[in-house]
C-alpha cells in the first residue's frame, strides 16, 4: 500500500474518531450523574489524543517524500514522535 493510501486511511479513521467524540460530548452534556460525566470527559480526552496522533501521522505520510530543502537527503521527520 502506498503512503498516500495509508494517509487516506488515517484520515478516514480520524473522521470516525471525531464522530465518536461528538457523540460522547452530547452524552456528557445529557448525563445526570457526576461520575458518568467524569468518565465521559476522560474518554473524550483520550479520543482527542488519538485524533491528534492520527492527524499527525496522516500528515507525515502525505509529505514523506516532499523535498525539504533540495539537498537530496531523506526528508526530515519529527524524531521526537514516538
PDB file of N, CA and C in Angstrom:
ATOM      1  N   UNK A   1       0.851  -1.173   0.000  1.00  0.00           N
ATOM      2  CA  UNK A   1       0.000   0.000   0.000  1.00  0.00           C
ATOM      3  C   UNK A   1       0.899   1.239   0.000  1.00  0.00           C
ATOM      4  N   UNK A   2       0.587   2.185  -0.847  1.00  0.00           N
ATOM      5  CA  UNK A   2       1.360   3.420  -0.949  1.00  0.00           C
ATOM      6  C   UNK A   2       1.127   4.296   0.277  1.00  0.00           C
ATOM      7  N   UNK A   3       2.100   5.138   0.566  1.00  0.00           N
ATOM      8  CA  UNK A   3       1.996   6.007   1.743  1.00  0.00           C
ATOM      9  C   UNK A   3       0.786   6.933   1.659  1.00  0.00           C
ATOM     10  N   UNK A   4       0.503   7.440   0.482  1.00  0.00           N
ATOM     11  CA  UNK A   4      -0.671   8.319   0.333  1.00  0.00           C
ATOM     12  C   UNK A   4      -1.969   7.555   0.613  1.00  0.00           C
ATOM     13  N   UNK A   5      -2.032   6.295   0.219  1.00  0.00           N
ATOM     14  CA  UNK A   5      -3.207   5.482   0.528  1.00  0.00           C
ATOM     15  C   UNK A   5      -3.323   5.256   2.034  1.00  0.00           C
ATOM     16  N   UNK A   6      -2.194   5.024   2.665  1.00  0.00           N
ATOM     17  CA  UNK A   6      -2.204   4.857   4.122  1.00  0.00           C
ATOM     18  C   UNK A   6      -2.684   6.150   4.786  1.00  0.00           C
ATOM     19  N   UNK A   7      -2.239   7.280   4.279  1.00  0.00           N
ATOM     20  CA  UNK A   7      -2.656   8.568   4.823  1.00  0.00           C
ATOM     21  C   UNK A   7      -4.168   8.747   4.682  1.00  0.00           C
ATOM     22  N   UNK A   8      -4.712   8.326   3.547  1.00  0.00           N
ATOM     23  CA  UNK A   8      -6.162   8.419   3.351  1.00  0.00           C
ATOM     24  C   UNK A   8      -6.907   7.574   4.366  1.00  0.00           C
ATOM     25  N   UNK A   9      -6.368   6.400   4.665  1.00  0.00           N
ATOM     26  CA  UNK A   9      -6.984   5.547   5.676  1.00  0.00           C
ATOM     27  C   UNK A   9      -6.935   6.203   7.054  1.00  0.00           C
ATOM     28  N   UNK A  10      -5.813   6.811   7.373  1.00  0.00           N
ATOM     29  CA  UNK A  10      -5.710   7.534   8.643  1.00  0.00           C
ATOM     30  C   UNK A  10      -6.736   8.662   8.701  1.00  0.00           C
ATOM     31  N   UNK A  11      -6.889   9.394   7.607  1.00  0.00           N
ATOM     32  CA  UNK A  11      -7.867  10.497   7.563  1.00  0.00           C
ATOM     33  C   UNK A  11      -9.296   9.965   7.752  1.00  0.00           C
ATOM     34  N   UNK A  12      -9.614   8.856   7.095  1.00  0.00           N
ATOM     35  CA  UNK A  12     -10.949   8.266   7.231  1.00  0.00           C
ATOM     36  C   UNK A  12     -11.190   7.808   8.669  1.00  0.00           C
ATOM     37  N   UNK A  13     -10.203   7.176   9.271  1.00  0.00           N
ATOM     38  CA  UNK A  13     -10.344   6.732  10.656  1.00  0.00           C
ATOM     39  C   UNK A  13     -10.426   7.910  11.610  1.00  0.00           C
ATOM     40  N   UNK A  14      -9.724   8.989  11.295  1.00  0.00           N
ATOM     41  CA  UNK A  14      -9.803  10.191  12.116  1.00  0.00           C
ATOM     42  C   UNK A  14     -11.224  10.742  12.107  1.00  0.00           C
ATOM     43  N   UNK A  15     -11.849  10.731  10.952  1.00  0.00           N
ATOM     44  CA  UNK A  15     -13.231  11.217  10.850  1.00  0.00           C
ATOM     45  C   UNK A  15     -14.155  10.385  11.735  1.00  0.00           C
ATOM     46  N   UNK A  16     -13.933   9.072  11.781  1.00  0.00           N
ATOM     47  CA  UNK A  16     -14.750   8.208  12.643  1.00  0.00           C
ATOM     48  C   UNK A  16     -14.514   8.516  14.114  1.00  0.00           C
ATOM     49  N   UNK A  17     -13.274   8.753  14.469  1.00  0.00           N
ATOM     50  CA  UNK A  17     -12.953   9.103  15.852  1.00  0.00           C
ATOM     51  C   UNK A  17     -13.593  10.445  16.235  1.00  0.00           C
ATOM     52  N   UNK A  18     -13.558  11.389  15.305  1.00  0.00           N
ATOM     53  CA  UNK A  18     -14.173  12.693  15.567  1.00  0.00           C
ATOM     54  C   UNK A  18     -15.681  12.563  15.761  1.00  0.00           C
ATOM     55  N   UNK A  19     -16.304  11.732  14.950  1.00  0.00           N
ATOM     56  CA  UNK A  19     -17.744  11.490  15.097  1.00  0.00           C
ATOM     57  C   UNK A  19     -18.050  10.890  16.467  1.00  0.00           C
ATOM     58  N   UNK A  20     -17.256   9.907  16.865  1.00  0.00           N
ATOM     59  CA  UNK A  20     -17.470   9.282  18.174  1.00  0.00           C
ATOM     60  C   UNK A  20     -17.267  10.295  19.306  1.00  0.00           C
ATOM     61  N   UNK A  21     -16.287  11.171  19.157  1.00  0.00           N
ATOM     62  CA  UNK A  21     -16.047  12.179  20.184  1.00  0.00           C
ATOM     63  C   UNK A  21     -17.260  13.109  20.303  1.00  0.00           C
ATOM     64  N   UNK A  22     -17.838  13.492  19.180  1.00  0.00           N
ATOM     65  CA  UNK A  22     -19.026  14.356  19.213  1.00  0.00           C
ATOM     66  C   UNK A  22     -20.196  13.646  19.888  1.00  0.00           C
ATOM     67  N   UNK A  23     -20.347  12.350  19.627  1.00  0.00           N
ATOM     68  CA  UNK A  23     -21.407  11.582  20.277  1.00  0.00           C
ATOM     69  C   UNK A  23     -21.209  11.554  21.793  1.00  0.00           C
ATOM     70  N   UNK A  24     -19.968  11.366  22.209  1.00  0.00           N
ATOM     71  CA  UNK A  24     -19.683  11.335  23.644  1.00  0.00           C
ATOM     72  C   UNK A  24     -19.882  12.706  24.281  1.00  0.00           C
ATOM     73  N   UNK A  25     -19.581  13.772  23.545  1.00  0.00           N
ATOM     74  CA  UNK A  25     -19.801  15.115  24.068  1.00  0.00           C
ATOM     75  C   UNK A  25     -21.284  15.376  24.306  1.00  0.00           C
ATOM     76  N   UNK A  26     -22.121  14.899  23.387  1.00  0.00           N
ATOM     77  CA  UNK A  26     -23.564  15.030  23.564  1.00  0.00           C
ATOM     78  C   UNK A  26     -24.003  14.230  24.794  1.00  0.00           C
ATOM     79  N   UNK A  27     -23.501  13.017  24.900  1.00  0.00           N
ATOM     80  CA  UNK A  27     -23.842  12.183  26.058  1.00  0.00           C
ATOM     81  C   UNK A  27     -23.378  12.831  27.357  1.00  0.00           C
ATOM     82  N   UNK A  28     -22.216  13.465  27.330  1.00  0.00           N
ATOM     83  CA  UNK A  28     -21.697  14.130  28.525  1.00  0.00           C
ATOM     84  C   UNK A  28     -22.616  15.285  28.946  1.00  0.00           C
ATOM     85  N   UNK A  29     -23.070  16.062  27.967  1.00  0.00           N
ATOM     86  CA  UNK A  29     -23.970  17.176  28.301  1.00  0.00           C
ATOM     87  C   UNK A  29     -25.292  16.688  28.871  1.00  0.00           C
ATOM     88  N   UNK A  30     -25.737  15.531  28.416  1.00  0.00           N
ATOM     89  CA  UNK A  30     -27.026  14.994  28.859  1.00  0.00           C
ATOM     90  C   UNK A  30     -26.932  14.171  30.149  1.00  0.00           C
ATOM     91  N   UNK A  31     -25.748  13.792  30.514  1.00  0.00           N
ATOM     92  CA  UNK A  31     -25.566  12.926  31.687  1.00  0.00           C
ATOM     93  C   UNK A  31     -26.013  13.643  32.958  1.00  0.00           C
ATOM     94  N   UNK A  32     -26.680  12.906  33.800  1.00  0.00           N
ATOM     95  CA  UNK A  32     -27.190  13.476  35.045  1.00  0.00           C
ATOM     96  C   UNK A  32     -26.255  13.235  36.223  1.00  0.00           C
ATOM     97  N   UNK A  33     -25.490  12.175  36.156  1.00  0.00           N
ATOM     98  CA  UNK A  33     -24.631  11.806  37.281  1.00  0.00           C
ATOM     99  C   UNK A  33     -23.216  12.328  37.064  1.00  0.00           C
ATOM    100  N   UNK A  34     -22.670  12.850  38.127  1.00  0.00           N
ATOM    101  CA  UNK A  34     -21.324  13.420  38.074  1.00  0.00           C
ATOM    102  C   UNK A  34     -20.291  12.382  37.638  1.00  0.00           C
ATOM    103  N   UNK A  35     -20.398  11.171  38.140  1.00  0.00           N
ATOM    104  CA  UNK A  35     -19.445  10.104  37.806  1.00  0.00           C
ATOM    105  C   UNK A  35     -19.498   9.772  36.314  1.00  0.00           C
ATOM    106  N   UNK A  36     -20.683   9.740  35.741  1.00  0.00           N
ATOM    107  CA  UNK A  36     -20.832   9.459  34.307  1.00  0.00           C
ATOM    108  C   UNK A  36     -20.199  10.575  33.490  1.00  0.00           C
ATOM    109  N   UNK A  37     -20.461  11.827  33.867  1.00  0.00           N
ATOM    110  CA  UNK A  37     -19.848  12.956  33.162  1.00  0.00           C
ATOM    111  C   UNK A  37     -18.329  12.894  33.242  1.00  0.00           C
ATOM    112  N   UNK A  38     -17.819  12.544  34.407  1.00  0.00           N
ATOM    113  CA  UNK A  38     -16.372  12.442  34.607  1.00  0.00           C
ATOM    114  C   UNK A  38     -15.764  11.364  33.705  1.00  0.00           C
ATOM    115  N   UNK A  39     -16.397  10.200  33.657  1.00  0.00           N
ATOM    116  CA  UNK A  39     -15.891   9.112  32.809  1.00  0.00           C
ATOM    117  C   UNK A  39     -15.950   9.472  31.328  1.00  0.00           C
ATOM    118  N   UNK A  40     -17.024  10.116  30.930  1.00  0.00           N
ATOM    119  CA  UNK A  40     -17.136  10.548  29.535  1.00  0.00           C
ATOM    120  C   UNK A  40     -16.076  11.600  29.202  1.00  0.00           C
ATOM    121  N   UNK A  41     -15.821  12.492  30.143  1.00  0.00           N
ATOM    122  CA  UNK A  41     -14.778  13.502  29.934  1.00  0.00           C
ATOM    123  C   UNK A  41     -13.427  12.832  29.707  1.00  0.00           C
ATOM    124  N   UNK A  42     -13.115  11.805  30.480  1.00  0.00           N
ATOM    125  CA  UNK A  42     -11.849  11.082  30.308  1.00  0.00           C
ATOM    126  C   UNK A  42     -11.781  10.379  28.961  1.00  0.00           C
ATOM    127  N   UNK A  43     -12.876   9.760  28.553  1.00  0.00           N
ATOM    128  CA  UNK A  43     -12.906   9.086  27.250  1.00  0.00           C
ATOM    129  C   UNK A  43     -12.730  10.084  26.117  1.00  0.00           C
ATOM    130  N   UNK A  44     -13.365  11.251  26.245  1.00  0.00           N
ATOM    131  CA  UNK A  44     -13.237  12.298  25.236  1.00  0.00           C
ATOM    132  C   UNK A  44     -11.787  12.773  25.162  1.00  0.00           C
ATOM    133  N   UNK A  45     -11.154  12.935  26.305  1.00  0.00           N
ATOM    134  CA  UNK A  45      -9.754  13.346  26.331  1.00  0.00           C
ATOM    135  C   UNK A  45      -8.853  12.339  25.644  1.00  0.00           C
ATOM    136  N   UNK A  46      -9.110  11.066  25.886  1.00  0.00           N
ATOM    137  CA  UNK A  46      -8.332  10.005  25.239  1.00  0.00           C
ATOM    138  C   UNK A  46      -8.545  10.036  23.727  1.00  0.00           C
ATOM    139  N   UNK A  47      -9.781  10.246  23.290  1.00  0.00           N
ATOM    140  CA  UNK A  47     -10.053  10.333  21.852  1.00  0.00           C
ATOM    141  C   UNK A  47      -9.347  11.529  21.230  1.00  0.00           C
ATOM    142  N   UNK A  48      -9.272  12.643  21.949  1.00  0.00           N
ATOM    143  CA  UNK A  48      -8.557  13.814  21.422  1.00  0.00           C
ATOM    144  C   UNK A  48      -7.098  13.469  21.131  1.00  0.00           C
ATOM    145  N   UNK A  49      -6.485  12.728  22.033  1.00  0.00           N
ATOM    146  CA  UNK A  49      -5.093  12.315  21.830  1.00  0.00           C
ATOM    147  C   UNK A  49      -4.991  11.436  20.582  1.00  0.00           C
ATOM    148  N   UNK A  50      -5.889  10.471  20.454  1.00  0.00           N
ATOM    149  CA  UNK A  50      -5.875   9.586  19.280  1.00  0.00           C
ATOM    150  C   UNK A  50      -6.092  10.374  17.988  1.00  0.00           C
ATOM    151  N   UNK A  51      -7.010  11.327  18.022  1.00  0.00           N
ATOM    152  CA  UNK A  51      -7.298  12.141  16.841  1.00  0.00           C
ATOM    153  C   UNK A  51      -6.076  12.957  16.446  1.00  0.00           C
ATOM    154  N   UNK A  52      -5.448  13.585  17.419  1.00  0.00           N
ATOM    155  CA  UNK A  52      -4.258  14.392  17.112  1.00  0.00           C
ATOM    156  C   UNK A  52      -3.129  13.531  16.567  1.00  0.00           C
ATOM    157  N   UNK A  53      -2.905  12.378  17.139  1.00  0.00           N
ATOM    158  CA  UNK A  53      -1.854  11.486  16.652  1.00  0.00           C
ATOM    159  C   UNK A  53      -2.173  10.981  15.251  1.00  0.00           C
ATOM    160  N   UNK A  54      -3.436  10.693  14.996  1.00  0.00           N
ATOM    161  CA  UNK A  54      -3.846  10.213  13.682  1.00  0.00           C
ATOM    162  C   UNK A  54      -3.660  11.298  12.620  1.00  0.00           C
ATOM    163  N   UNK A  55      -4.023  12.523  12.957  1.00  0.00           N
ATOM    164  CA  UNK A  55      -3.822  13.640  12.024  1.00  0.00           C
ATOM    165  C   UNK A  55      -2.335  13.835  11.728  1.00  0.00           C
ATOM    166  N   UNK A  56      -1.543  13.782  12.765  1.00  0.00           N
ATOM    167  CA  UNK A  56      -0.102  13.966  12.619  1.00  0.00           C
ATOM    168  C   UNK A  56       0.498  12.866  11.737  1.00  0.00           C
ATOM    169  N   UNK A  57       0.088  11.636  11.971  1.00  0.00           N
ATOM    170  CA  UNK A  57       0.596  10.515  11.179  1.00  0.00           C
ATOM    171  C   UNK A  57       0.177  10.655   9.724  1.00  0.00           C
ATOM    172  N   UNK A  58      -1.078  11.031   9.492  1.00  0.00           N
ATOM    173  CA  UNK A  58      -1.550  11.220   8.115  1.00  0.00           C
ATOM    174  C   UNK A  58      -0.732  12.296   7.417  1.00  0.00           C
ATOM    175  N   UNK A  59      -0.463  13.391   8.107  1.00  0.00           N
ATOM    176  CA  UNK A  59       0.329  14.472   7.517  1.00  0.00           C
ATOM    177  C   UNK A  59       1.734  13.985   7.161  1.00  0.00           C
ATOM    178  N   UNK A  60       2.359  13.269   8.080  1.00  0.00           N
ATOM    179  CA  UNK A  60       3.706  12.756   7.816  1.00  0.00           C
ATOM    180  C   UNK A  60       3.725  11.798   6.631  1.00  0.00           C
ATOM    181  N   UNK A  61       2.712  10.951   6.543  1.00  0.00           N
ATOM    182  CA  UNK A  61       2.631  10.022   5.417  1.00  0.00           C
ATOM    183  C   UNK A  61       2.420  10.764   4.103  1.00  0.00           C
ATOM    184  N   UNK A  62       1.581  11.782   4.128  1.00  0.00           N
ATOM    185  CA  UNK A  62       1.299  12.553   2.912  1.00  0.00           C
ATOM    186  C   UNK A  62       2.528  13.310   2.420  1.00  0.00           C
ATOM    187  N   UNK A  63       3.377  13.701   3.328  1.00  0.00           N
ATOM    188  CA  UNK A  63       4.508  14.561   2.973  1.00  0.00           C
ATOM    189  C   UNK A  63       5.855  13.864   3.123  1.00  0.00           C
ATOM    190  N   UNK A  64       5.835  12.567   3.237  1.00  0.00           N
ATOM    191  CA  UNK A  64       7.074  11.821   3.480  1.00  0.00           C
ATOM    192  C   UNK A  64       8.117  12.061   2.396  1.00  0.00           C
ATOM    193  N   UNK A  65       7.682  12.127   1.153  1.00  0.00           N
ATOM    194  CA  UNK A  65       8.622  12.265   0.050  1.00  0.00           C
ATOM    195  C   UNK A  65       8.826  13.709  -0.401  1.00  0.00           C
ATOM    196  N   UNK A  66       8.250  14.651   0.315  1.00  0.00           N
ATOM    197  CA  UNK A  66       8.455  16.052  -0.050  1.00  0.00           C
ATOM    198  C   UNK A  66       9.930  16.397   0.061  1.00  0.00           C
ATOM    199  N   UNK A  67      10.382  17.207  -0.856  1.00  0.00           N
ATOM    200  CA  UNK A  67      11.785  17.661  -0.831  1.00  0.00           C
ATOM    201  C   UNK A  67      11.883  18.788   0.187  1.00  0.00           C
ATOM    202  N   UNK A  68      12.637  18.573   1.225  1.00  0.00           N
ATOM    203  CA  UNK A  68      12.739  19.537   2.326  1.00  0.00           C
ATOM    204  C   UNK A  68      14.047  20.314   2.276  1.00  0.00           C
ATOM    205  N   UNK A  69      14.267  21.036   1.216  1.00  0.00           N
ATOM    206  CA  UNK A  69      15.445  21.865   1.167  1.00  0.00           C
ATOM    207  C   UNK A  69      16.319  21.593  -0.031  1.00  0.00           C
ATOM    208  N   UNK A  70      15.994  20.596  -0.810  1.00  0.00           N
ATOM    209  CA  UNK A  70      16.696  20.347  -2.048  1.00  0.00           C
ATOM    210  C   UNK A  70      18.090  19.781  -1.903  1.00  0.00           C
ATOM    211  N   UNK A  71      18.422  19.198  -0.757  1.00  0.00           N
ATOM    212  CA  UNK A  71      19.772  18.661  -0.576  1.00  0.00           C
ATOM    213  C   UNK A  71      19.895  17.207  -1.008  1.00  0.00           C
ATOM    214  N   UNK A  72      18.774  16.617  -1.413  1.00  0.00           N
ATOM    215  CA  UNK A  72      18.816  15.242  -1.897  1.00  0.00           C
ATOM    216  C   UNK A  72      18.829  14.194  -0.803  1.00  0.00           C
ATOM    217  N   UNK A  73      18.775  14.601   0.444  1.00  0.00           N
ATOM    218  CA  UNK A  73      18.751  13.648   1.548  1.00  0.00           C
ATOM    219  C   UNK A  73      17.326  13.266   1.889  1.00  0.00           C
ATOM    220  N   UNK A  74      17.214  12.285   2.741  1.00  0.00           N
ATOM    221  CA  UNK A  74      15.893  11.842   3.154  1.00  0.00           C
ATOM    222  C   UNK A  74      15.143  12.987   3.813  1.00  0.00           C
ATOM    223  N   UNK A  75      13.817  12.952   3.737  1.00  0.00           N
ATOM    224  CA  UNK A  75      13.029  14.027   4.338  1.00  0.00           C
ATOM    225  C   UNK A  75      13.170  14.032   5.852  1.00  0.00           C
ATOM    226  N   UNK A  76      13.038  15.212   6.407  1.00  0.00           N
ATOM    227  CA  UNK A  76      13.103  15.383   7.854  1.00  0.00           C
ATOM    228  C   UNK A  76      11.798  14.889   8.461  1.00  0.00           C
ATOM    229  N   UNK A  77      11.884  14.037   9.454  1.00  0.00           N
ATOM    230  CA  UNK A  77      10.722  13.622  10.219  1.00  0.00           C
ATOM    231  C   UNK A  77      10.948  14.021  11.659  1.00  0.00           C
ATOM    232  N   UNK A  78       9.888  14.357  12.339  1.00  0.00           N
ATOM    233  CA  UNK A  78       9.991  14.751  13.732  1.00  0.00           C
ATOM    234  C   UNK A  78      10.442  13.554  14.548  1.00  0.00           C
ATOM    235  N   UNK A  79      11.672  13.556  14.959  1.00  0.00           N
ATOM    236  CA  UNK A  79      12.257  12.423  15.686  1.00  0.00           C
ATOM    237  C   UNK A  79      11.720  12.321  17.124  1.00  0.00           C
ATOM    238  N   UNK A  80      11.071  13.381  17.591  1.00  0.00           N
ATOM    239  CA  UNK A  80      10.502  13.337  18.937  1.00  0.00           C
ATOM    240  C   UNK A  80       9.265  12.454  18.999  1.00  0.00           C
ATOM    241  N   UNK A  81       8.577  12.318  17.871  1.00  0.00           N
ATOM    242  CA  UNK A  81       7.364  11.490  17.841  1.00  0.00           C
ATOM    243  C   UNK A  81       7.752  10.036  18.046  1.00  0.00           C
ATOM    244  N   UNK A  82       6.997   9.381  18.898  1.00  0.00           N
ATOM    245  CA  UNK A  82       7.344   8.016  19.236  1.00  0.00           C
ATOM    246  C   UNK A  82       6.689   7.060  18.385  1.00  0.00           C
TER     247      UNK A  82
END
